[in-house]
N, C-alpha and C. Protein backbone atom coordinates (compact mmCIF):
# COMPACT_ATOMS: atom_id res chain seq x y z
N UNK A 1 -74.15 146.20 127.43
CA UNK A 1 -73.82 147.61 127.43
C UNK A 1 -74.50 148.05 128.81
N UNK A 2 -75.87 148.07 128.99
CA UNK A 2 -76.66 148.59 130.10
C UNK A 2 -76.06 147.90 131.37
N UNK A 3 -75.93 146.67 131.44
CA UNK A 3 -75.46 145.96 132.55
C UNK A 3 -74.02 146.34 132.96
N UNK A 4 -73.21 146.81 132.08
CA UNK A 4 -71.96 147.48 132.24
C UNK A 4 -71.89 148.56 133.15
N UNK A 5 -73.00 149.44 132.45
CA UNK A 5 -73.20 150.82 133.22
C UNK A 5 -73.51 150.65 134.58
N UNK A 6 -74.40 149.84 134.77
CA UNK A 6 -74.96 149.61 136.12
C UNK A 6 -73.97 149.27 137.28
N UNK A 7 -73.30 148.21 136.78
CA UNK A 7 -71.85 147.78 137.47
C UNK A 7 -71.09 148.95 137.73
N UNK A 8 -70.75 149.79 136.81
CA UNK A 8 -69.92 150.75 136.88
C UNK A 8 -70.56 151.85 138.03
N UNK A 9 -71.81 152.01 137.87
CA UNK A 9 -72.30 153.11 138.78
C UNK A 9 -72.42 152.40 140.29
N UNK A 10 -72.60 151.23 140.43
CA UNK A 10 -72.52 150.56 141.83
C UNK A 10 -71.24 150.71 142.20
N UNK A 11 -70.10 150.19 141.38
CA UNK A 11 -68.72 150.30 141.73
C UNK A 11 -68.53 151.55 142.37
N UNK A 12 -68.58 152.63 141.61
CA UNK A 12 -68.31 154.19 142.02
C UNK A 12 -69.07 154.60 143.19
N UNK A 13 -70.23 154.10 143.41
CA UNK A 13 -70.98 154.37 144.59
C UNK A 13 -70.41 153.82 145.88
N UNK A 14 -69.97 152.31 145.62
CA UNK A 14 -69.57 151.87 146.64
C UNK A 14 -68.15 152.24 146.99
N UNK A 15 -67.21 152.51 146.18
CA UNK A 15 -65.78 152.92 146.26
C UNK A 15 -65.82 154.45 147.01
N UNK A 16 -66.86 155.32 146.79
CA UNK A 16 -66.72 156.62 147.36
C UNK A 16 -67.39 156.80 148.73
N UNK A 17 -67.84 155.60 149.13
CA UNK A 17 -68.36 155.58 150.60
C UNK A 17 -67.14 155.67 151.55
N UNK A 18 -67.36 156.43 152.63
CA UNK A 18 -66.39 156.79 153.61
C UNK A 18 -67.16 156.44 154.96
N UNK A 19 -66.33 155.83 155.72
CA UNK A 19 -66.78 155.41 157.18
C UNK A 19 -66.41 156.72 158.06
N UNK A 20 -67.43 157.20 158.62
CA UNK A 20 -67.31 158.11 159.58
C UNK A 20 -66.92 157.62 160.95
N UNK A 21 -65.84 158.23 161.64
CA UNK A 21 -65.36 158.00 162.84
C UNK A 21 -66.44 158.18 163.83
N UNK A 22 -66.27 157.51 164.86
CA UNK A 22 -67.25 157.75 166.03
C UNK A 22 -66.64 157.22 167.39
N UNK A 23 -67.42 157.61 168.44
CA UNK A 23 -66.99 157.07 169.75
C UNK A 23 -68.06 156.90 170.65
N UNK A 24 -68.13 155.80 171.63
CA UNK A 24 -69.24 155.76 172.60
C UNK A 24 -68.26 155.90 173.90
N UNK A 25 -68.83 156.65 174.82
CA UNK A 25 -68.04 157.12 176.07
C UNK A 25 -69.06 156.80 177.29
N UNK A 26 -68.77 156.27 178.16
CA UNK A 26 -69.36 156.03 179.28
C UNK A 26 -68.75 156.25 180.75
N UNK A 27 -69.27 157.33 181.40
CA UNK A 27 -68.67 157.77 182.57
C UNK A 27 -69.18 157.34 183.74
N UNK A 28 -68.51 156.66 184.80
CA UNK A 28 -68.96 156.34 185.97
C UNK A 28 -68.63 157.24 187.25
N UNK A 29 -69.40 157.03 188.26
CA UNK A 29 -68.95 157.72 189.61
C UNK A 29 -68.84 156.56 190.45
N UNK A 30 -67.79 156.14 191.05
CA UNK A 30 -67.51 155.08 191.87
C UNK A 30 -67.35 155.52 193.25
N UNK A 31 -68.35 155.26 194.09
CA UNK A 31 -68.38 155.60 195.59
C UNK A 31 -67.55 154.50 196.32
N UNK A 32 -66.40 154.71 196.72
CA UNK A 32 -65.67 153.64 197.37
C UNK A 32 -65.60 154.05 198.71
N UNK A 33 -66.54 154.82 199.29
CA UNK A 33 -66.68 155.33 200.70
C UNK A 33 -67.83 154.42 201.41
N UNK A 34 -68.03 154.56 202.64
CA UNK A 34 -69.07 154.01 203.42
C UNK A 34 -70.13 155.03 203.79
N UNK A 35 -70.28 155.96 202.83
CA UNK A 35 -71.37 157.06 202.92
C UNK A 35 -72.01 157.16 201.76
N UNK A 36 -73.22 157.57 201.89
CA UNK A 36 -74.15 158.08 200.58
C UNK A 36 -73.41 159.33 199.95
N UNK A 37 -73.63 159.39 198.82
CA UNK A 37 -73.12 160.63 198.09
C UNK A 37 -74.27 161.07 197.16
N UNK A 38 -74.42 162.48 197.35
CA UNK A 38 -75.58 163.26 196.54
C UNK A 38 -74.60 164.07 195.47
N UNK A 39 -74.69 164.12 194.18
CA UNK A 39 -73.86 165.10 193.43
C UNK A 39 -75.01 166.03 192.89
N UNK A 40 -75.04 167.36 193.39
CA UNK A 40 -76.03 168.27 192.83
C UNK A 40 -75.32 169.35 191.77
N UNK A 41 -75.70 169.30 190.59
CA UNK A 41 -75.10 170.21 189.64
C UNK A 41 -76.02 171.66 189.48
N UNK A 42 -75.07 172.67 189.51
CA UNK A 42 -75.70 173.86 189.44
C UNK A 42 -75.07 174.82 188.43
N UNK A 43 -76.01 175.67 187.92
CA UNK A 43 -75.69 176.73 187.03
C UNK A 43 -76.36 177.88 187.30
N UNK A 44 -75.76 179.07 187.65
CA UNK A 44 -76.45 180.39 188.00
C UNK A 44 -77.26 180.37 189.03
N UNK A 45 -77.11 179.24 190.04
CA UNK A 45 -77.90 179.23 191.15
C UNK A 45 -79.12 178.20 191.18
N UNK A 46 -79.21 177.85 190.00
CA UNK A 46 -80.43 176.80 189.62
C UNK A 46 -79.75 175.44 189.59
N UNK A 47 -80.61 174.36 190.42
CA UNK A 47 -80.21 173.03 190.40
C UNK A 47 -80.63 172.54 189.10
N UNK A 48 -79.71 171.77 188.52
CA UNK A 48 -79.77 171.20 187.10
C UNK A 48 -80.13 169.66 187.21
N UNK A 49 -79.51 169.16 188.18
CA UNK A 49 -79.52 167.61 188.04
C UNK A 49 -79.00 166.99 189.51
N UNK A 50 -79.72 166.02 189.82
CA UNK A 50 -79.20 165.37 191.18
C UNK A 50 -78.92 164.01 190.88
N UNK A 51 -77.59 163.62 191.43
CA UNK A 51 -77.35 162.17 191.17
C UNK A 51 -76.96 161.55 192.50
N UNK A 52 -77.70 160.60 192.77
CA UNK A 52 -77.51 159.75 194.15
C UNK A 52 -76.74 158.54 193.92
N UNK A 53 -75.78 158.31 194.83
CA UNK A 53 -74.92 157.23 194.74
C UNK A 53 -74.80 156.53 196.18
N UNK A 54 -75.33 155.36 196.31
CA UNK A 54 -75.32 154.52 197.64
C UNK A 54 -73.77 154.25 198.05
N UNK A 55 -73.68 153.76 199.16
CA UNK A 55 -72.33 153.31 199.73
C UNK A 55 -71.92 152.25 198.87
N UNK A 56 -70.45 152.28 198.40
CA UNK A 56 -69.69 151.16 197.92
C UNK A 56 -70.47 150.89 196.53
N UNK A 57 -71.04 151.85 195.74
CA UNK A 57 -71.61 151.61 194.49
C UNK A 57 -71.23 152.48 193.26
N UNK A 58 -71.16 151.84 192.24
CA UNK A 58 -70.62 152.51 190.91
C UNK A 58 -71.84 152.76 190.09
N UNK A 59 -71.91 153.95 189.64
CA UNK A 59 -73.00 154.44 189.11
C UNK A 59 -72.80 155.28 187.53
N UNK A 60 -73.46 154.74 186.62
CA UNK A 60 -73.44 155.69 185.14
C UNK A 60 -73.85 156.94 185.48
N UNK A 61 -73.08 157.96 184.99
CA UNK A 61 -73.58 159.39 185.15
C UNK A 61 -73.60 159.89 183.77
N UNK A 62 -73.03 159.44 182.82
CA UNK A 62 -73.15 160.04 181.38
C UNK A 62 -72.74 158.72 180.42
N UNK A 63 -73.69 158.84 179.48
CA UNK A 63 -73.41 157.90 178.27
C UNK A 63 -73.66 158.67 177.07
N UNK A 64 -72.58 158.68 176.33
CA UNK A 64 -72.83 159.63 175.23
C UNK A 64 -72.03 158.85 173.88
N UNK A 65 -72.50 159.34 172.72
CA UNK A 65 -72.05 158.73 171.43
C UNK A 65 -71.67 160.24 170.73
N UNK A 66 -70.52 160.35 170.04
CA UNK A 66 -70.14 161.66 169.49
C UNK A 66 -69.32 161.18 168.16
N UNK A 67 -69.06 162.18 167.35
CA UNK A 67 -68.42 161.94 166.10
C UNK A 67 -66.92 162.02 166.44
N UNK A 68 -66.07 161.33 165.77
CA UNK A 68 -64.61 161.58 165.70
C UNK A 68 -64.30 160.28 166.52
N UNK A 69 -63.18 159.93 166.24
CA UNK A 69 -62.39 158.60 167.05
C UNK A 69 -61.41 159.39 168.13
N UNK A 70 -61.83 159.58 169.39
CA UNK A 70 -61.04 160.00 170.37
C UNK A 70 -61.46 159.72 171.80
N UNK A 71 -61.12 160.72 172.65
CA UNK A 71 -61.46 160.49 174.01
C UNK A 71 -62.76 160.53 174.53
N UNK A 72 -63.59 161.35 173.55
CA UNK A 72 -65.10 161.27 173.72
C UNK A 72 -65.55 162.33 174.88
N UNK A 73 -66.62 162.37 175.01
CA UNK A 73 -67.52 163.49 175.91
C UNK A 73 -67.62 162.81 177.20
N UNK A 74 -66.75 163.08 178.21
CA UNK A 74 -67.08 162.62 179.61
C UNK A 74 -67.74 163.29 180.40
N UNK A 75 -67.96 162.88 181.63
CA UNK A 75 -68.93 163.70 182.62
C UNK A 75 -68.16 165.02 182.83
N UNK A 76 -66.87 165.16 182.95
CA UNK A 76 -66.10 166.31 183.33
C UNK A 76 -66.30 167.37 182.22
N UNK A 77 -66.45 167.07 180.87
CA UNK A 77 -66.78 167.74 179.85
C UNK A 77 -68.31 168.19 179.94
N UNK A 78 -69.08 167.36 180.24
CA UNK A 78 -70.49 167.76 180.45
C UNK A 78 -70.72 169.02 181.57
N UNK A 79 -69.85 168.53 182.70
CA UNK A 79 -69.96 169.44 183.86
C UNK A 79 -69.35 170.83 183.38
N UNK A 80 -68.67 171.09 182.45
CA UNK A 80 -68.11 172.39 182.40
C UNK A 80 -69.27 173.55 181.86
N UNK A 81 -70.13 173.19 181.54
CA UNK A 81 -71.23 173.92 181.24
C UNK A 81 -72.04 174.59 182.63
N UNK A 82 -71.65 173.87 183.67
CA UNK A 82 -72.24 174.31 184.95
C UNK A 82 -71.09 175.18 185.77
N UNK A 83 -71.51 175.99 186.84
CA UNK A 83 -70.56 176.80 187.57
C UNK A 83 -69.95 176.00 188.88
N UNK A 84 -70.89 175.42 189.28
CA UNK A 84 -70.42 174.50 190.67
C UNK A 84 -71.33 173.26 190.87
N UNK A 85 -70.78 172.33 191.61
CA UNK A 85 -71.33 171.17 192.08
C UNK A 85 -71.26 171.01 193.45
N UNK A 86 -72.34 170.61 194.11
CA UNK A 86 -72.22 170.42 195.45
C UNK A 86 -72.25 168.84 195.67
N UNK A 87 -71.40 168.34 196.44
CA UNK A 87 -71.24 166.93 196.93
C UNK A 87 -71.72 167.00 198.44
N UNK A 88 -72.80 165.88 198.58
CA UNK A 88 -73.14 166.01 199.76
C UNK A 88 -72.88 164.48 200.45
N UNK A 89 -72.32 164.42 201.52
CA UNK A 89 -72.16 162.88 202.08
C UNK A 89 -73.16 162.87 202.93
N UNK A 90 -73.80 161.60 203.19
CA UNK A 90 -74.89 161.32 204.23
C UNK A 90 -75.85 162.49 204.59
N UNK A 91 -76.08 162.95 203.58
CA UNK A 91 -77.17 164.17 203.81
C UNK A 91 -76.94 165.22 204.72
N UNK A 92 -75.46 165.26 205.12
CA UNK A 92 -75.04 166.44 206.10
C UNK A 92 -73.80 167.07 205.65
N UNK A 93 -72.90 166.49 205.32
CA UNK A 93 -71.72 167.09 205.22
C UNK A 93 -71.35 167.36 203.79
N UNK A 94 -70.86 168.55 203.53
CA UNK A 94 -70.97 168.87 202.09
C UNK A 94 -69.64 169.57 201.65
N UNK A 95 -69.39 169.67 200.23
CA UNK A 95 -68.27 170.32 199.87
C UNK A 95 -68.62 170.69 198.44
N UNK A 96 -68.00 172.18 197.93
CA UNK A 96 -68.47 172.27 196.49
C UNK A 96 -67.21 172.31 195.67
N UNK A 97 -67.45 171.75 194.55
CA UNK A 97 -66.55 171.66 193.28
C UNK A 97 -66.87 172.86 192.50
N UNK A 98 -65.82 173.64 192.13
CA UNK A 98 -66.01 174.87 191.33
C UNK A 98 -65.40 174.58 189.98
N UNK A 99 -65.95 175.01 188.77
CA UNK A 99 -65.48 174.85 187.38
C UNK A 99 -64.30 175.76 187.09
N UNK A 100 -64.16 176.64 187.85
CA UNK A 100 -62.85 177.51 187.50
C UNK A 100 -61.68 177.24 188.33
N UNK A 101 -60.50 177.73 187.78
CA UNK A 101 -59.26 177.48 188.49
C UNK A 101 -58.82 178.13 189.54
N UNK A 102 -59.28 179.51 189.55
CA UNK A 102 -58.83 180.43 190.68
C UNK A 102 -60.09 180.87 191.38
N UNK A 103 -59.90 181.22 192.70
CA UNK A 103 -61.14 181.77 193.50
C UNK A 103 -60.78 183.16 193.99
N UNK A 104 -60.97 184.13 193.46
CA UNK A 104 -60.92 185.55 194.00
C UNK A 104 -61.26 185.82 195.13
N UNK A 105 -62.47 184.98 195.43
CA UNK A 105 -63.12 185.44 196.79
C UNK A 105 -62.65 184.63 197.95
N UNK A 106 -61.71 183.74 197.67
CA UNK A 106 -61.15 182.80 198.49
C UNK A 106 -62.32 181.90 199.14
N UNK A 107 -63.16 181.33 198.15
CA UNK A 107 -64.11 180.43 198.66
C UNK A 107 -63.59 179.21 199.09
N UNK A 108 -64.34 178.57 199.90
CA UNK A 108 -63.75 177.27 200.54
C UNK A 108 -64.44 176.07 199.51
N UNK A 109 -63.77 175.29 199.25
CA UNK A 109 -64.32 174.40 198.31
C UNK A 109 -63.05 173.59 197.32
N UNK A 110 -63.57 172.94 196.39
CA UNK A 110 -62.51 172.35 195.33
C UNK A 110 -62.39 173.29 194.14
N UNK A 111 -61.39 173.61 193.68
CA UNK A 111 -61.31 174.36 192.51
C UNK A 111 -60.88 173.25 191.39
N UNK A 112 -60.96 173.82 190.02
CA UNK A 112 -60.65 172.96 188.82
C UNK A 112 -59.47 172.27 189.02
N UNK A 113 -58.54 172.77 189.13
CA UNK A 113 -57.18 172.33 189.13
C UNK A 113 -56.70 171.43 190.23
N UNK A 114 -57.62 171.18 191.13
CA UNK A 114 -57.44 170.20 192.39
C UNK A 114 -57.45 168.91 191.74
N UNK A 115 -56.59 167.95 192.32
CA UNK A 115 -56.50 166.57 192.00
C UNK A 115 -57.93 165.78 192.35
N UNK A 116 -58.69 166.37 193.07
CA UNK A 116 -59.97 165.60 193.41
C UNK A 116 -61.31 166.38 192.74
N UNK A 117 -60.97 167.38 191.78
CA UNK A 117 -62.11 167.97 191.37
C UNK A 117 -62.91 167.11 190.36
N UNK A 118 -64.13 167.29 190.43
CA UNK A 118 -65.07 166.47 189.37
C UNK A 118 -65.11 167.22 188.15
N UNK A 119 -64.70 168.28 188.15
CA UNK A 119 -64.53 169.23 186.76
C UNK A 119 -63.28 168.90 185.97
N UNK A 120 -62.11 168.51 186.49
CA UNK A 120 -61.07 168.24 185.93
C UNK A 120 -60.97 166.56 185.13
N UNK A 121 -60.81 166.82 183.95
CA UNK A 121 -60.83 165.60 183.26
C UNK A 121 -59.54 164.62 183.37
N UNK A 122 -58.61 165.26 183.95
CA UNK A 122 -57.48 164.31 184.20
C UNK A 122 -57.78 163.65 185.63
N UNK A 123 -58.70 163.96 186.31
CA UNK A 123 -58.94 163.04 187.48
C UNK A 123 -59.94 161.85 187.24
N UNK A 124 -60.15 161.54 186.03
CA UNK A 124 -60.98 160.45 185.76
C UNK A 124 -59.88 159.25 185.25
N UNK A 125 -60.27 157.95 185.58
CA UNK A 125 -59.37 157.03 184.97
C UNK A 125 -59.97 156.64 183.60
N UNK A 126 -59.31 156.53 182.68
CA UNK A 126 -59.76 156.28 181.25
C UNK A 126 -59.43 154.79 181.00
N UNK A 127 -60.23 154.30 180.23
CA UNK A 127 -60.16 152.69 179.96
C UNK A 127 -60.84 152.54 178.65
N UNK A 128 -59.97 152.04 177.67
CA UNK A 128 -60.47 151.89 176.23
C UNK A 128 -61.06 150.41 176.23
N UNK A 129 -62.34 150.17 175.90
CA UNK A 129 -63.04 148.93 176.04
C UNK A 129 -62.79 148.40 174.87
N UNK A 130 -62.79 149.06 173.70
CA UNK A 130 -62.91 148.49 172.26
C UNK A 130 -62.34 149.68 171.37
N UNK A 131 -61.44 149.26 170.41
CA UNK A 131 -60.92 150.02 169.19
C UNK A 131 -60.89 149.46 167.97
N UNK A 132 -61.33 150.10 167.05
CA UNK A 132 -61.39 149.44 165.74
C UNK A 132 -60.80 150.74 164.66
N UNK A 133 -60.81 150.49 163.64
CA UNK A 133 -60.62 151.44 162.63
C UNK A 133 -61.23 152.84 162.61
N UNK A 134 -62.34 152.67 162.72
CA UNK A 134 -63.33 153.89 162.79
C UNK A 134 -64.13 154.08 164.00
N UNK A 135 -63.80 153.51 165.00
CA UNK A 135 -64.68 153.35 166.27
C UNK A 135 -63.75 153.01 167.57
N UNK A 136 -64.20 153.90 168.58
CA UNK A 136 -63.54 153.61 170.07
C UNK A 136 -64.54 153.67 170.94
N UNK A 137 -64.59 152.88 171.82
CA UNK A 137 -65.38 152.82 173.01
C UNK A 137 -64.41 153.18 174.33
N UNK A 138 -64.84 154.27 175.01
CA UNK A 138 -64.01 154.66 176.06
C UNK A 138 -65.03 154.46 177.35
N UNK A 139 -64.29 154.28 178.67
CA UNK A 139 -64.90 154.41 179.84
C UNK A 139 -64.17 155.37 180.74
N UNK A 140 -64.85 156.10 181.59
CA UNK A 140 -64.24 157.08 182.49
C UNK A 140 -64.75 156.73 183.81
N UNK A 141 -63.88 156.78 184.82
CA UNK A 141 -64.47 156.45 186.19
C UNK A 141 -63.62 157.54 187.19
N UNK A 142 -64.73 158.24 187.91
CA UNK A 142 -64.06 159.11 189.04
C UNK A 142 -64.28 158.39 190.41
N UNK A 143 -63.45 158.28 191.13
CA UNK A 143 -63.51 157.46 192.28
C UNK A 143 -63.74 158.49 193.53
N UNK A 144 -64.74 158.33 194.29
CA UNK A 144 -64.76 158.80 195.61
C UNK A 144 -63.99 158.11 196.68
N UNK A 145 -63.24 158.73 197.55
CA UNK A 145 -62.61 157.80 198.46
C UNK A 145 -62.99 158.34 199.90
N UNK A 146 -62.66 157.67 200.89
CA UNK A 146 -62.87 157.92 202.16
C UNK A 146 -62.20 159.22 202.47
N UNK A 147 -61.09 159.36 201.85
CA UNK A 147 -60.43 160.84 202.04
C UNK A 147 -61.03 161.91 201.66
N UNK A 148 -61.79 161.81 200.44
CA UNK A 148 -62.87 162.91 199.93
C UNK A 148 -63.77 163.13 201.06
N UNK A 149 -64.27 162.37 201.77
CA UNK A 149 -65.28 162.43 202.73
C UNK A 149 -64.74 163.20 203.88
N UNK A 150 -63.32 162.69 204.45
CA UNK A 150 -62.75 163.38 205.78
C UNK A 150 -62.34 164.69 205.19
N UNK A 151 -62.05 165.10 203.98
CA UNK A 151 -61.57 166.37 203.34
C UNK A 151 -62.74 167.34 203.67
N UNK A 152 -64.14 166.88 203.19
CA UNK A 152 -65.33 167.62 203.24
C UNK A 152 -65.59 167.77 204.65
N UNK A 153 -65.40 167.10 205.53
CA UNK A 153 -65.64 167.04 206.77
C UNK A 153 -65.01 168.24 207.87
N UNK A 154 -63.89 168.73 207.28
CA UNK A 154 -62.78 169.53 207.93
C UNK A 154 -63.70 170.80 207.98
C-alpha cells in the first residue's frame, strides 16, 4: 500500500511537469568592407558601448537566451533602448543611425525605416540553427558592405 502511494505521487509529479520553451540567439555584425568599423552606441548623449570590427571580420555583438520559442532578442532589439548609434569607418568617416522613423530636424544619417539601419530588425538575416519542440536557436547577421562606406563618405 505504501509502495503504491509512493508510485502514485511520483507519477503525478512527473506527469505534471511542463517544459518551458526557450531560445538562444546570437547576433553578428559582418564587416564585408576593406575598412575598419567602430559601432558606438549612445543614449541621451552618453556613450554606452563601443564595438570594433576589423576589415572582412565577423563579430558576435549579442548573445542572449530568453523564454519562449520564437525569433529571440536580436541586436536590433537591444539597440532600441538607445537613441542613436555612430558608425565610424577607418577612424575618420562617420554616419549616424537613428532609432526613430522620422527626422523633424532633417538630420543627416540613417533613420529606422532605412534598408541599411542597424535598428531595423528586418535588415538582419535570420538563420535557424536548431529547432526542437520546446527550443530554438537563432542567428542574426547584419552585413556592412562597401556601399555603406561609400554612402557614409558622401
